[in-house]
Amino acid sequence: LSCTCHNGEPEMCVAALCERPQGCQQYRKDPKECCKFT
């Protein structure tokens, strides 16, 4: 999620959507990095 900081609040948020990693059946998403998988 990417937002603009306005008066201490996140506004005008845009979300990126990630494809699952190729060639991997089981994986874990990184909770703090966008589109990063293990």
Full PDB file with SEQRES, HELIX, SHEET, SSBOND, CRYST1, ORIGX, SCALE, CONECT and MASTER records, all heavy atoms in Angstrom:
SEQRES   1 A   38  LEU SER CYS THR CYS HIS ASN GLY GLU PRO GLU MET CYS          
SEQRES   2 A   38  VAL ALA ALA LEU CYS GLU ARG PRO GLN GLY CYS GLN GLN          
SEQRES   3 A   38  TYR ARG LYS ASP PRO LYS GLU CYS CYS LYS PHE THR              
SHEET    1 AA1 2 SER A   2  HIS A   6  0                                        
SHEET    2 AA1 2 GLU A   9  VAL A  14 -1                                        
SSBOND   1 CYS A    3    CYS A   13                          1555   1555  2.03  
SSBOND   2 CYS A   18    CYS A   35                          1555   1555  1.92  
CRYST1    1.000    1.000    1.000  90.00  90.00  90.00 P 1           1          
ORIGX1      1.000000  0.000000  0.000000        0.00000                         
ORIGX2      0.000000  1.000000  0.000000        0.00000                         
ORIGX3      0.000000  0.000000  1.000000        0.00000                         
SCALE1      1.000000  0.000000  0.000000        0.00000                         
SCALE2      0.000000  1.000000  0.000000        0.00000                         
SCALE3      0.000000  0.000000  1.000000        0.00000                         
ATOM      1  N   LEU A   1       0.847  -1.184   0.000  1.00  0.00           N  
ATOM      2  CA  LEU A   1       0.000   0.000   0.000  1.00  0.00           C  
ATOM      3  C   LEU A   1       0.889   1.244   0.000  1.00  0.00           C  
ATOM      4  O   LEU A   1       1.853   1.319   0.755  1.00  0.00           O  
ATOM      5  CB  LEU A   1      -0.885  -0.013   1.240  1.00  0.00           C  
ATOM      6  CG  LEU A   1      -2.191   0.767   1.204  1.00  0.00           C  
ATOM      7  CD1 LEU A   1      -3.108   0.214   0.135  1.00  0.00           C  
ATOM      8  CD2 LEU A   1      -2.856   0.716   2.567  1.00  0.00           C  
ATOM      9  N   SER A   2       0.577   2.217  -0.826  1.00  0.00           N  
ATOM     10  CA  SER A   2       1.308   3.478  -0.863  1.00  0.00           C  
ATOM     11  C   SER A   2       0.317   4.614  -0.670  1.00  0.00           C  
ATOM     12  O   SER A   2      -0.670   4.721  -1.395  1.00  0.00           O  
ATOM     13  CB  SER A   2       2.042   3.643  -2.200  1.00  0.00           C  
ATOM     14  OG  SER A   2       2.738   4.876  -2.230  1.00  0.00           O  
ATOM     15  N   CYS A   3       0.570   5.449   0.341  1.00  0.00           N  
ATOM     16  CA  CYS A   3      -0.352   6.531   0.684  1.00  0.00           C  
ATOM     17  C   CYS A   3       0.416   7.854   0.769  1.00  0.00           C  
ATOM     18  O   CYS A   3       1.643   7.874   0.841  1.00  0.00           O  
ATOM     19  CB  CYS A   3      -1.038   6.272   2.032  1.00  0.00           C  
ATOM     20  SG  CYS A   3      -1.925   4.696   2.135  1.00  0.00           S  
ATOM     21  N   THR A   4      -0.335   8.939   0.806  1.00  0.00           N  
ATOM     22  CA  THR A   4       0.240  10.262   1.021  1.00  0.00           C  
ATOM     23  C   THR A   4      -0.054  10.695   2.450  1.00  0.00           C  
ATOM     24  O   THR A   4      -1.168  10.519   2.941  1.00  0.00           O  
ATOM     25  CB  THR A   4      -0.367  11.289   0.048  1.00  0.00           C  
ATOM     26  OG1 THR A   4      -0.132  10.852  -1.291  1.00  0.00           O  
ATOM     27  CG2 THR A   4       0.264  12.661   0.238  1.00  0.00           C  
ATOM     28  N   CYS A   5       0.949  11.230   3.140  1.00  0.00           N  
ATOM     29  CA  CYS A   5       0.758  11.715   4.515  1.00  0.00           C  
ATOM     30  C   CYS A   5       0.124  13.097   4.477  1.00  0.00           C  
ATOM     31  O   CYS A   5       0.680  14.030   3.899  1.00  0.00           O  
ATOM     32  CB  CYS A   5       2.109  11.768   5.233  1.00  0.00           C  
ATOM     33  SG  CYS A   5       1.985  12.358   6.935  1.00  0.00           S  
ATOM     34  N   HIS A   6      -1.054  13.223   5.105  1.00  0.00           N  
ATOM     35  CA  HIS A   6      -1.756  14.504   5.152  1.00  0.00           C  
ATOM     36  C   HIS A   6      -2.353  14.689   6.541  1.00  0.00           C  
ATOM     37  O   HIS A   6      -3.212  13.924   6.973  1.00  0.00           O  
ATOM     38  CB  HIS A   6      -2.863  14.557   4.096  1.00  0.00           C  
ATOM     39  CG  HIS A   6      -3.647  15.842   4.097  1.00  0.00           C  
ATOM     40  ND1 HIS A   6      -3.077  17.053   3.790  1.00  0.00           N  
ATOM     41  CD2 HIS A   6      -4.941  16.088   4.387  1.00  0.00           C  
ATOM     42  CE1 HIS A   6      -3.990  18.004   3.880  1.00  0.00           C  
ATOM     43  NE2 HIS A   6      -5.134  17.443   4.249  1.00  0.00           N  
ATOM     44  N   ASN A   7      -1.867  15.710   7.253  1.00  0.00           N  
ATOM     45  CA  ASN A   7      -2.345  16.002   8.614  1.00  0.00           C  
ATOM     46  C   ASN A   7      -2.254  14.783   9.525  1.00  0.00           C  
ATOM     47  O   ASN A   7      -3.149  14.515  10.330  1.00  0.00           O  
ATOM     48  CB  ASN A   7      -3.779  16.530   8.592  1.00  0.00           C  
ATOM     49  CG  ASN A   7      -3.875  17.912   7.983  1.00  0.00           C  
ATOM     50  OD1 ASN A   7      -2.909  18.682   8.005  1.00  0.00           O  
ATOM     51  ND2 ASN A   7      -5.034  18.245   7.429  1.00  0.00           N  
ATOM     52  N   GLY A   8      -1.167  14.031   9.380  1.00  0.00           N  
ATOM     53  CA  GLY A   8      -0.959  12.884  10.253  1.00  0.00           C  
ATOM     54  C   GLY A   8      -1.773  11.664   9.895  1.00  0.00           C  
ATOM     55  O   GLY A   8      -1.805  10.699  10.646  1.00  0.00           O  
ATOM     56  N   GLU A   9      -2.439  11.691   8.748  1.00  0.00           N  
ATOM     57  CA  GLU A   9      -3.272  10.572   8.324  1.00  0.00           C  
ATOM     58  C   GLU A   9      -2.841  10.111   6.934  1.00  0.00           C  
ATOM     59  O   GLU A   9      -2.446  10.927   6.096  1.00  0.00           O  
ATOM     60  CB  GLU A   9      -4.756  10.988   8.271  1.00  0.00           C  
ATOM     61  CG  GLU A   9      -5.342  11.416   9.597  1.00  0.00           C  
ATOM     62  CD  GLU A   9      -5.860  10.247  10.401  1.00  0.00           C  
ATOM     63  OE1 GLU A   9      -5.658   9.103   9.957  1.00  0.00           O  
ATOM     64  OE2 GLU A   9      -6.461  10.485  11.451  1.00  0.00           O  
ATOM     65  N   PRO A  10      -2.950   8.795   6.641  1.00  0.00           N  
ATOM     66  CA  PRO A  10      -2.695   8.321   5.287  1.00  0.00           C  
ATOM     67  C   PRO A  10      -3.896   8.593   4.392  1.00  0.00           C  
ATOM     68  O   PRO A  10      -5.027   8.266   4.739  1.00  0.00           O  
ATOM     69  CB  PRO A  10      -2.460   6.818   5.472  1.00  0.00           C  
ATOM     70  CG  PRO A  10      -3.151   6.479   6.746  1.00  0.00           C  
ATOM     71  CD  PRO A  10      -3.201   7.706   7.591  1.00  0.00           C  
ATOM     72  N   GLU A  11      -3.660   9.217   3.255  1.00  0.00           N  
ATOM     73  CA  GLU A  11      -4.736   9.521   2.315  1.00  0.00           C  
ATOM     74  C   GLU A  11      -4.297   9.156   0.903  1.00  0.00           C  
ATOM     75  O   GLU A  11      -3.120   8.966   0.623  1.00  0.00           O  
ATOM     76  CB  GLU A  11      -5.107  11.006   2.379  1.00  0.00           C  
ATOM     77  CG  GLU A  11      -5.755  11.411   3.696  1.00  0.00           C  
ATOM     78  CD  GLU A  11      -6.324  12.811   3.663  1.00  0.00           C  
ATOM     79  OE1 GLU A  11      -6.128  13.501   2.640  1.00  0.00           O  
ATOM     80  OE2 GLU A  11      -6.960  13.217   4.652  1.00  0.00           O  
ATOM     81  N   MET A  12      -5.269   9.078  -0.004  1.00  0.00           N  
ATOM     82  CA  MET A  12      -5.035   8.786  -1.424  1.00  0.00           C  
ATOM     83  C   MET A  12      -4.149   7.545  -1.574  1.00  0.00           C  
ATOM     84  O   MET A  12      -3.084   7.595  -2.187  1.00  0.00           O  
ATOM     85  CB  MET A  12      -4.414   9.993  -2.125  1.00  0.00           C  
ATOM     86  CG  MET A  12      -5.332  11.211  -2.146  1.00  0.00           C  
ATOM     87  SD  MET A  12      -4.658  12.612  -3.051  1.00  0.00           S  
ATOM     88  CE  MET A  12      -3.314  13.078  -1.991  1.00  0.00           C  
ATOM     89  N   CYS A  13      -4.610   6.438  -1.005  1.00  0.00           N  
ATOM     90  CA  CYS A  13      -3.810   5.214  -0.996  1.00  0.00           C  
ATOM     91  C   CYS A  13      -4.004   4.420  -2.288  1.00  0.00           C  
ATOM     92  O   CYS A  13      -5.103   4.332  -2.822  1.00  0.00           O  
ATOM     93  CB  CYS A  13      -4.199   4.342   0.198  1.00  0.00           C  
ATOM     94  SG  CYS A  13      -3.873   5.140   1.784  1.00  0.00           S  
ATOM     95  N   VAL A  14      -2.923   3.857  -2.768  1.00  0.00           N  
ATOM     96  CA  VAL A  14      -2.934   3.009  -3.950  1.00  0.00           C  
ATOM     97  C   VAL A  14      -2.266   1.694  -3.583  1.00  0.00           C  
ATOM     98  O   VAL A  14      -1.225   1.678  -2.928  1.00  0.00           O  
ATOM     99  CB  VAL A  14      -2.181   3.673  -5.126  1.00  0.00           C  
ATOM    100  CG1 VAL A  14      -2.144   2.740  -6.330  1.00  0.00           C  
ATOM    101  CG2 VAL A  14      -2.832   4.995  -5.491  1.00  0.00           C  
ATOM    102  N   ALA A  15      -2.876   0.580  -4.005  1.00  0.00           N  
ATOM    103  CA  ALA A  15      -2.330  -0.735  -3.671  1.00  0.00           C  
ATOM    104  C   ALA A  15      -1.742  -1.380  -4.917  1.00  0.00           C  
ATOM    105  O   ALA A  15      -2.333  -1.327  -5.992  1.00  0.00           O  
ATOM    106  CB  ALA A  15      -3.407  -1.633  -3.084  1.00  0.00           C  
ATOM    107  N   ALA A  16      -0.581  -1.991  -4.756  1.00  0.00           N  
ATOM    108  CA  ALA A  16      -0.009  -2.826  -5.811  1.00  0.00           C  
ATOM    109  C   ALA A  16      -0.423  -4.269  -5.554  1.00  0.00           C  
ATOM    110  O   ALA A  16      -0.546  -4.696  -4.406  1.00  0.00           O  
ATOM    111  CB  ALA A  16       1.514  -2.708  -5.800  1.00  0.00           C  
ATOM    112  N   LEU A  17      -0.663  -5.004  -6.638  1.00  0.00           N  
ATOM    113  CA  LEU A  17      -1.051  -6.400  -6.515  1.00  0.00           C  
ATOM    114  C   LEU A  17       0.080  -7.280  -7.046  1.00  0.00           C  
ATOM    115  O   LEU A  17       0.658  -6.988  -8.089  1.00  0.00           O  
ATOM    116  CB  LEU A  17      -2.334  -6.665  -7.295  1.00  0.00           C  
ATOM    117  CG  LEU A  17      -3.553  -5.846  -6.851  1.00  0.00           C  
ATOM    118  CD1 LEU A  17      -4.752  -6.164  -7.724  1.00  0.00           C  
ATOM    119  CD2 LEU A  17      -3.869  -6.102  -5.391  1.00  0.00           C  
ATOM    120  N   CYS A  18       0.391  -8.346  -6.320  1.00  0.00           N  
ATOM    121  CA  CYS A  18       1.544  -9.179  -6.653  1.00  0.00           C  
ATOM    122  C   CYS A  18       1.102 -10.544  -7.187  1.00  0.00           C  
ATOM    123  O   CYS A  18       0.191 -11.164  -6.648  1.00  0.00           O  
ATOM    124  CB  CYS A  18       2.410  -9.412  -5.417  1.00  0.00           C  
ATOM    125  SG  CYS A  18       2.920  -7.897  -4.600  1.00  0.00           S  
ATOM    126  N   GLU A  19       1.774 -11.007  -8.232  1.00  0.00           N  
ATOM    127  CA  GLU A  19       1.607 -12.385  -8.655  1.00  0.00           C  
ATOM    128  C   GLU A  19       2.358 -13.295  -7.693  1.00  0.00           C  
ATOM    129  O   GLU A  19       3.360 -12.898  -7.083  1.00  0.00           O  
ATOM    130  CB  GLU A  19       2.168 -12.577 -10.061  1.00  0.00           C  
ATOM    131  CG  GLU A  19       1.174 -12.270 -11.162  1.00  0.00           C  
ATOM    132  CD  GLU A  19       1.640 -12.839 -12.489  1.00  0.00           C  
ATOM    133  OE1 GLU A  19       1.384 -14.027 -12.743  1.00  0.00           O  
ATOM    134  OE2 GLU A  19       2.266 -12.087 -13.251  1.00  0.00           O  
ATOM    135  N   ARG A  20       1.894 -14.529  -7.580  1.00  0.00           N  
ATOM    136  CA  ARG A  20       2.625 -15.496  -6.763  1.00  0.00           C  
ATOM    137  C   ARG A  20       3.965 -15.772  -7.433  1.00  0.00           C  
ATOM    138  O   ARG A  20       4.117 -15.608  -8.654  1.00  0.00           O  
ATOM    139  CB  ARG A  20       1.828 -16.791  -6.624  1.00  0.00           C  
ATOM    140  CG  ARG A  20       1.493 -17.453  -7.934  1.00  0.00           C  
ATOM    141  CD  ARG A  20       0.735 -18.741  -7.726  1.00  0.00           C  
ATOM    142  NE  ARG A  20       1.613 -19.794  -7.227  1.00  0.00           N  
ATOM    143  CZ  ARG A  20       1.184 -20.982  -6.839  1.00  0.00           C  
ATOM    144  NH1 ARG A  20      -0.111 -21.251  -6.833  1.00  0.00           N  
ATOM    145  NH2 ARG A  20       2.027 -21.893  -6.418  1.00  0.00           N  
ATOM    146  N   PRO A  21       4.961 -16.199  -6.677  1.00  0.00           N  
ATOM    147  CA  PRO A  21       6.264 -16.498  -7.277  1.00  0.00           C  
ATOM    148  C   PRO A  21       6.166 -17.688  -8.228  1.00  0.00           C  
ATOM    149  O   PRO A  21       5.476 -18.667  -7.950  1.00  0.00           O  
ATOM    150  CB  PRO A  21       7.147 -16.802  -6.068  1.00  0.00           C  
ATOM    151  CG  PRO A  21       6.190 -17.215  -4.999  1.00  0.00           C  
ATOM    152  CD  PRO A  21       4.942 -16.422  -5.221  1.00  0.00           C  
ATOM    153  N   GLN A  22       6.846 -17.580  -9.335  1.00  0.00           N  
ATOM    154  CA  GLN A  22       6.793 -18.632 -10.344  1.00  0.00           C  
ATOM    155  C   GLN A  22       7.618 -19.846  -9.907  1.00  0.00           C  
ATOM    156  O   GLN A  22       8.678 -19.708  -9.292  1.00  0.00           O  
ATOM    157  CB  GLN A  22       7.330 -18.097 -11.681  1.00  0.00           C  
ATOM    158  CG  GLN A  22       6.526 -16.930 -12.241  1.00  0.00           C  
ATOM    159  CD  GLN A  22       5.074 -17.313 -12.511  1.00  0.00           C  
ATOM    160  OE1 GLN A  22       4.812 -18.308 -13.185  1.00  0.00           O  
ATOM    161  NE2 GLN A  22       4.148 -16.524 -11.985  1.00  0.00           N  
ATOM    162  N   GLY A  23       7.118 -21.044 -10.226  1.00  0.00           N  
ATOM    163  CA  GLY A  23       7.863 -22.260  -9.923  1.00  0.00           C  
ATOM    164  C   GLY A  23       7.942 -22.582  -8.459  1.00  0.00           C  
ATOM    165  O   GLY A  23       8.860 -23.274  -8.012  1.00  0.00           O  
ATOM    166  N   CYS A  24       6.992 -22.111  -7.671  1.00  0.00           N  
ATOM    167  CA  CYS A  24       7.006 -22.354  -6.220  1.00  0.00           C  
ATOM    168  C   CYS A  24       5.578 -22.649  -5.777  1.00  0.00           C  
ATOM    169  O   CYS A  24       4.662 -21.859  -6.018  1.00  0.00           O  
ATOM    170  CB  CYS A  24       7.566 -21.140  -5.492  1.00  0.00           C  
ATOM    171  SG  CYS A  24       7.803 -21.392  -3.726  1.00  0.00           S  
ATOM    172  N   GLN A  25       5.380 -23.785  -5.121  1.00  0.00           N  
ATOM    173  CA  GLN A  25       4.042 -24.182  -4.694  1.00  0.00           C  
ATOM    174  C   GLN A  25       3.684 -23.623  -3.321  1.00  0.00           C  
ATOM    175  O   GLN A  25       2.575 -23.188  -3.074  1.00  0.00           O  
ATOM    176  CB  GLN A  25       3.940 -25.718  -4.690  1.00  0.00           C  
ATOM    177  CG  GLN A  25       4.105 -26.339  -6.066  1.00  0.00           C  
ATOM    178  CD  GLN A  25       3.062 -25.831  -7.055  1.00  0.00           C  
ATOM    179  OE1 GLN A  25       1.876 -25.742  -6.728  1.00  0.00           O  
ATOM    180  NE2 GLN A  25       3.511 -25.494  -8.258  1.00  0.00           N  
ATOM    181  N   GLN A  26       4.638 -23.685  -2.391  1.00  0.00           N  
ATOM    182  CA  GLN A  26       4.411 -23.182  -1.025  1.00  0.00           C  
ATOM    183  C   GLN A  26       5.379 -22.030  -0.770  1.00  0.00           C  
ATOM    184  O   GLN A  26       6.582 -22.155  -1.019  1.00  0.00           O  
ATOM    185  CB  GLN A  26       4.622 -24.293   0.001  1.00  0.00           C  
ATOM    186  CG  GLN A  26       3.605 -25.417  -0.110  1.00  0.00           C  
ATOM    187  CD  GLN A  26       3.865 -26.489   0.945  1.00  0.00           C  
ATOM    188  OE1 GLN A  26       5.001 -26.915   1.145  1.00  0.00           O  
ATOM    189  NE2 GLN A  26       2.813 -26.906   1.631  1.00  0.00           N  
ATOM    190  N   TYR A  27       4.852 -20.952  -0.235  1.00  0.00           N  
ATOM    191  CA  TYR A  27       5.699 -19.776  -0.033  1.00  0.00           C  
ATOM    192  C   TYR A  27       5.126 -18.915   1.087  1.00  0.00           C  
ATOM    193  O   TYR A  27       3.978 -19.091   1.525  1.00  0.00           O  
ATOM    194  CB  TYR A  27       5.808 -18.965  -1.328  1.00  0.00           C  
ATOM    195  CG  TYR A  27       4.473 -18.541  -1.881  1.00  0.00           C  
ATOM    196  CD1 TYR A  27       3.881 -17.357  -1.472  1.00  0.00           C  
ATOM    197  CD2 TYR A  27       3.797 -19.344  -2.793  1.00  0.00           C  
ATOM    198  CE1 TYR A  27       2.652 -16.974  -1.960  1.00  0.00           C  
ATOM    199  CE2 TYR A  27       2.563 -18.973  -3.291  1.00  0.00           C  
ATOM    200  CZ  TYR A  27       1.988 -17.779  -2.867  1.00  0.00           C  
ATOM    201  OH  TYR A  27       0.761 -17.406  -3.343  1.00  0.00           O  
ATOM    202  N   ARG A  28       5.925 -18.005   1.526  1.00  0.00           N  
ATOM    203  CA  ARG A  28       5.508 -17.064   2.573  1.00  0.00           C  
ATOM    204  C   ARG A  28       5.790 -15.647   2.088  1.00  0.00           C  
ATOM    205  O   ARG A  28       6.872 -15.356   1.570  1.00  0.00           O  
ATOM    206  CB  ARG A  28       6.277 -17.338   3.868  1.00  0.00           C  
ATOM    207  CG  ARG A  28       5.901 -16.392   5.020  1.00  0.00           C  
ATOM    208  CD  ARG A  28       6.612 -16.740   6.317  1.00  0.00           C  
ATOM    209  NE  ARG A  28       8.066 -16.648   6.166  1.00  0.00           N  
ATOM    210  CZ  ARG A  28       8.897 -17.667   6.266  1.00  0.00           C  
ATOM    211  NH1 ARG A  28       8.414 -18.892   6.490  1.00  0.00           N  
ATOM    212  NH2 ARG A  28      10.200 -17.516   6.122  1.00  0.00           N  
ATOM    213  N   LYS A  29       4.823 -14.734   2.281  1.00  0.00           N  
ATOM    214  CA  LYS A  29       5.018 -13.337   1.909  1.00  0.00           C  
ATOM    215  C   LYS A  29       5.786 -12.610   3.005  1.00  0.00           C  
ATOM    216  O   LYS A  29       5.563 -12.846   4.188  1.00  0.00           O  
ATOM    217  CB  LYS A  29       3.669 -12.649   1.690  1.00  0.00           C  
ATOM    218  CG  LYS A  29       2.935 -13.128   0.461  1.00  0.00           C  
ATOM    219  CD  LYS A  29       1.814 -12.172   0.083  1.00  0.00           C  
ATOM    220  CE  LYS A  29       0.782 -12.055   1.194  1.00  0.00           C  
ATOM    221  NZ  LYS A  29      -0.338 -11.168   0.788  1.00  0.00           N  
ATOM    222  N   ASP A  30       6.650 -11.720   2.609  1.00  0.00           N  
ATOM    223  CA  ASP A  30       7.340 -10.867   3.578  1.00  0.00           C  
ATOM    224  C   ASP A  30       6.341  -9.843   4.112  1.00  0.00           C  
ATOM    225  O   ASP A  30       5.679  -9.152   3.337  1.00  0.00           O  
ATOM    226  CB  ASP A  30       8.517 -10.157   2.908  1.00  0.00           C  
ATOM    227  CG  ASP A  30       9.429  -9.464   3.920  1.00  0.00           C  
ATOM    228  OD1 ASP A  30       8.910  -8.640   4.689  1.00  0.00           O  
ATOM    229  OD2 ASP A  30      10.630  -9.748   3.921  1.00  0.00           O  
ATOM    230  N   PRO A  31       6.186  -9.725   5.443  1.00  0.00           N  
ATOM    231  CA  PRO A  31       5.162  -8.818   5.981  1.00  0.00           C  
ATOM    232  C   PRO A  31       5.494  -7.339   5.820  1.00  0.00           C  
ATOM    233  O   PRO A  31       4.623  -6.505   6.000  1.00  0.00           O  
ATOM    234  CB  PRO A  31       5.108  -9.205   7.470  1.00  0.00           C  
ATOM    235  CG  PRO A  31       6.447  -9.786   7.761  1.00  0.00           C  
ATOM    236  CD  PRO A  31       6.891 -10.480   6.504  1.00  0.00           C  
ATOM    237  N   LYS A  32       6.747  -7.006   5.476  1.00  0.00           N  
ATOM    238  CA  LYS A  32       7.123  -5.597   5.409  1.00  0.00           C  
ATOM    239  C   LYS A  32       7.712  -5.190   4.067  1.00  0.00           C  
ATOM    240  O   LYS A  32       8.073  -4.033   3.885  1.00  0.00           O  
ATOM    241  CB  LYS A  32       8.111  -5.260   6.527  1.00  0.00           C  
ATOM    242  CG  LYS A  32       7.485  -5.355   7.916  1.00  0.00           C  
ATOM    243  CD  LYS A  32       8.376  -4.784   8.991  1.00  0.00           C  
ATOM    244  CE  LYS A  32       7.695  -4.830  10.349  1.00  0.00           C  
ATOM    245  NZ  LYS A  32       8.541  -4.238  11.412  1.00  0.00           N  
ATOM    246  N   GLU A  33       7.837  -6.137   3.128  1.00  0.00           N  
ATOM    247  CA  GLU A  33       8.380  -5.821   1.808  1.00  0.00           C  
ATOM    248  C   GLU A  33       7.366  -6.232   0.739  1.00  0.00           C  
ATOM    249  O   GLU A  33       6.893  -7.368   0.720  1.00  0.00           O  
ATOM    250  CB  GLU A  33       9.705  -6.541   1.567  1.00  0.00           C  
ATOM    251  CG  GLU A  33      10.833  -6.113   2.510  1.00  0.00           C  
ATOM    252  CD  GLU A  33      11.381  -4.735   2.165  1.00  0.00           C  
ATOM    253  OE1 GLU A  33      11.079  -4.228   1.069  1.00  0.00           O  
ATOM    254  OE2 GLU A  33      12.105  -4.171   3.006  1.00  0.00           O  
ATOM    255  N   CYS A  34       7.040  -5.303  -0.137  1.00  0.00           N  
ATOM    256  CA  CYS A  34       6.046  -5.569  -1.171  1.00  0.00           C  
ATOM    257  C   CYS A  34       6.582  -6.563  -2.198  1.00  0.00           C  
ATOM    258  O   CYS A  34       7.710  -6.419  -2.680  1.00  0.00           O  
ATOM    259  CB  CYS A  34       5.663  -4.260  -1.853  1.00  0.00           C  
ATOM    260  SG  CYS A  34       4.393  -4.441  -3.111  1.00  0.00           S  
ATOM    261  N   CYS A  35       5.763  -7.546  -2.519  1.00  0.00           N  
ATOM    262  CA  CYS A  35       6.065  -8.547  -3.559  1.00  0.00           C  
ATOM    263  C   CYS A  35       7.367  -9.289  -3.306  1.00  0.00           C  
ATOM    264  O   CYS A  35       8.082  -9.665  -4.234  1.00  0.00           O  
ATOM    265  CB  CYS A  35       6.102  -7.887  -4.938  1.00  0.00           C  
ATOM    266  SG  CYS A  35       4.508  -7.237  -5.451  1.00  0.00           S  
ATOM    267  N   LYS A  36       7.691  -9.496  -2.035  1.00  0.00           N  
ATOM    268  CA  LYS A  36       8.869 -10.303  -1.683  1.00  0.00           C  
ATOM    269  C   LYS A  36       8.395 -11.584  -1.041  1.00  0.00           C  
ATOM    270  O   LYS A  36       7.595 -11.547  -0.113  1.00  0.00           O  
ATOM    271  CB  LYS A  36       9.791  -9.512  -0.746  1.00  0.00           C  
ATOM    272  CG  LYS A  36      11.081 -10.252  -0.413  1.00  0.00           C  
ATOM    273  CD  LYS A  36      11.978  -9.390   0.477  1.00  0.00           C  
ATOM    274  CE  LYS A  36      13.255 -10.120   0.824  1.00  0.00           C  
ATOM    275  NZ  LYS A  36      14.132  -9.293   1.703  1.00  0.00           N  
ATOM    276  N   PHE A  37       8.870 -12.726  -1.540  1.00  0.00           N  
ATOM    277  CA  PHE A  37       8.397 -14.025  -1.080  1.00  0.00           C  
ATOM    278  C   PHE A  37       9.572 -14.902  -0.661  1.00  0.00           C  
ATOM    279  O   PHE A  37      10.680 -14.741  -1.164  1.00  0.00           O  
ATOM    280  CB  PHE A  37       7.629 -14.752  -2.190  1.00  0.00           C  
ATOM    281  CG  PHE A  37       6.457 -13.998  -2.729  1.00  0.00           C  
ATOM    282  CD1 PHE A  37       6.607 -13.132  -3.810  1.00  0.00           C  
ATOM    283  CD2 PHE A  37       5.214 -14.123  -2.147  1.00  0.00           C  
ATOM    284  CE1 PHE A  37       5.526 -12.445  -4.317  1.00  0.00           C  
ATOM    285  CE2 PHE A  37       4.129 -13.425  -2.653  1.00  0.00           C  
ATOM    286  CZ  PHE A  37       4.280 -12.574  -3.738  1.00  0.00           C  
ATOM    287  N   THR A  38       9.289 -15.824   0.235  1.00  0.00           N  
ATOM    288  CA  THR A  38      10.238 -16.883   0.576  1.00  0.00           C  
ATOM    289  C   THR A  38       9.607 -18.204   0.161  1.00  0.00           C  
ATOM    290  O   THR A  38       8.513 -18.531   0.611  1.00  0.00           O  
ATOM    291  CB  THR A  38      10.545 -16.904   2.078  1.00  0.00           C  
ATOM    292  OG1 THR A  38      11.088 -15.625   2.449  1.00  0.00           O  
ATOM    293  CG2 THR A  38      11.541 -17.997   2.427  1.00  0.00           C  
TER     294      THR A  38                                                      
CONECT   20   94                                                                
CONECT   94   20                                                                
CONECT  125  266                                                                
CONECT  266  125                                                                
MASTER        0    0    0    0    2    0    0    6  293    1    4    3          
END                                                                             
